[in-house]
Amino acid sequence: MHHISKEEYTKSLESARLVQFGLLPKIRHLNRVIPDSFILFEPKDVVSGDFYWVGKSNELDYVVVGDCTGHGISGALISVLR
């Protein structure tokens, strides 16, 4: 069994945080779809089980908010990618 050090664990969490924030829409994209809007995203921990997405298709605006709490970090990220 491989035991990871606290430093390895911290680096892993930071990598997951970067992946998560890379997947989330930027505020400029949100403002193109919904002008004068904002995002309040305050994860309790380094990586959150929550995510959001915005888009526009066929003259309709879409906003999706998801909560993957309880699935762990990898489960939350996989849920966002699906």
Protein backbone atom coordinates (compact mmCIF):
# COMPACT_ATOMS: atom_id res chain seq x y z
CA MET A 1 0.00 0.00 0.00
CA HIS A 2 1.39 3.39 -1.01
CA HIS A 3 1.02 6.12 1.59
CA ILE A 4 1.00 9.61 0.17
CA SER A 5 2.62 12.43 2.04
CA LYS A 6 0.78 15.54 3.13
CA GLU A 7 2.69 17.44 0.42
CA GLU A 8 1.57 14.99 -2.30
CA TYR A 9 -2.01 15.18 -1.04
CA THR A 10 -1.95 18.99 -1.06
CA LYS A 11 -0.51 19.04 -4.61
CA SER A 12 -3.21 16.61 -5.73
CA LEU A 13 -5.97 18.81 -4.27
CA GLU A 14 -4.48 21.90 -5.90
CA SER A 15 -4.40 20.08 -9.26
CA ALA A 16 -8.06 19.09 -8.83
CA ARG A 17 -8.93 22.71 -8.00
CA LEU A 18 -7.23 23.92 -11.18
CA VAL A 19 -9.13 21.33 -13.24
CA GLN A 20 -12.41 22.34 -11.63
CA PHE A 21 -11.90 26.06 -12.23
CA GLY A 22 -10.79 25.32 -15.79
CA LEU A 23 -14.11 23.55 -16.43
CA LEU A 24 -16.32 26.29 -15.00
CA PRO A 25 -17.53 29.05 -17.36
CA LYS A 26 -15.77 32.37 -17.06
CA ILE A 27 -17.72 35.44 -15.94
CA ARG A 28 -17.34 37.05 -19.39
CA HIS A 29 -19.16 34.05 -20.94
CA LEU A 30 -21.92 34.28 -18.34
CA ASN A 31 -22.31 38.00 -19.06
CA ARG A 32 -22.66 37.31 -22.80
CA VAL A 33 -25.55 34.95 -22.08
CA ILE A 34 -27.05 36.83 -19.12
CA PRO A 35 -25.90 40.47 -19.03
CA ASP A 36 -25.44 42.13 -15.63
CA SER A 37 -25.11 38.80 -13.85
CA PHE A 38 -22.53 37.50 -11.39
CA ILE A 39 -21.25 34.27 -9.91
CA LEU A 40 -20.91 33.63 -6.20
CA PHE A 41 -18.87 30.45 -5.94
CA GLU A 42 -17.30 29.87 -2.52
CA PRO A 43 -16.21 26.26 -2.08
CA LYS A 44 -16.09 25.10 1.53
CA ASP A 45 -12.90 23.18 0.79
CA VAL A 46 -10.18 23.30 -1.86
CA VAL A 47 -12.39 21.46 -4.36
CA SER A 48 -16.15 21.76 -4.47
CA GLY A 49 -18.78 19.21 -5.39
CA ASP A 50 -20.81 22.02 -6.97
CA PHE A 51 -20.64 23.25 -10.55
CA TYR A 52 -22.46 25.53 -12.95
CA TRP A 53 -22.76 25.97 -16.70
CA VAL A 54 -24.37 28.55 -18.97
CA GLY A 55 -25.17 28.43 -22.66
CA LYS A 56 -27.38 29.67 -25.45
CA SER A 57 -29.04 27.58 -28.16
CA ASN A 58 -31.94 28.24 -30.52
CA GLU A 59 -32.67 31.63 -28.92
CA LEU A 60 -32.93 30.03 -25.46
CA ASP A 61 -30.64 30.75 -22.51
CA TYR A 62 -29.60 27.86 -20.29
CA VAL A 63 -28.27 27.91 -16.75
CA VAL A 64 -27.32 24.66 -15.05
CA VAL A 65 -26.35 24.35 -11.40
CA GLY A 66 -25.27 21.00 -10.02
CA ASP A 67 -24.35 19.61 -6.64
CA CYS A 68 -22.25 16.46 -6.49
CA THR A 69 -21.63 16.54 -2.74
CA GLY A 70 -20.93 13.15 -1.21
CA HIS A 71 -19.23 11.64 -4.25
CA GLY A 72 -15.71 12.76 -3.37
CA ILE A 73 -13.40 14.85 -5.46
CA SER A 74 -13.02 12.43 -8.36
CA GLY A 75 -16.77 11.74 -8.48
CA ALA A 76 -17.55 15.46 -8.55
CA LEU A 77 -15.12 16.10 -11.41
CA ILE A 78 -16.38 13.12 -13.42
CA SER A 79 -19.97 14.35 -12.97
CA VAL A 80 -19.01 17.76 -14.37
CA LEU A 81 -17.34 16.15 -17.40
CA ARG A 82 -20.37 14.07 -18.29
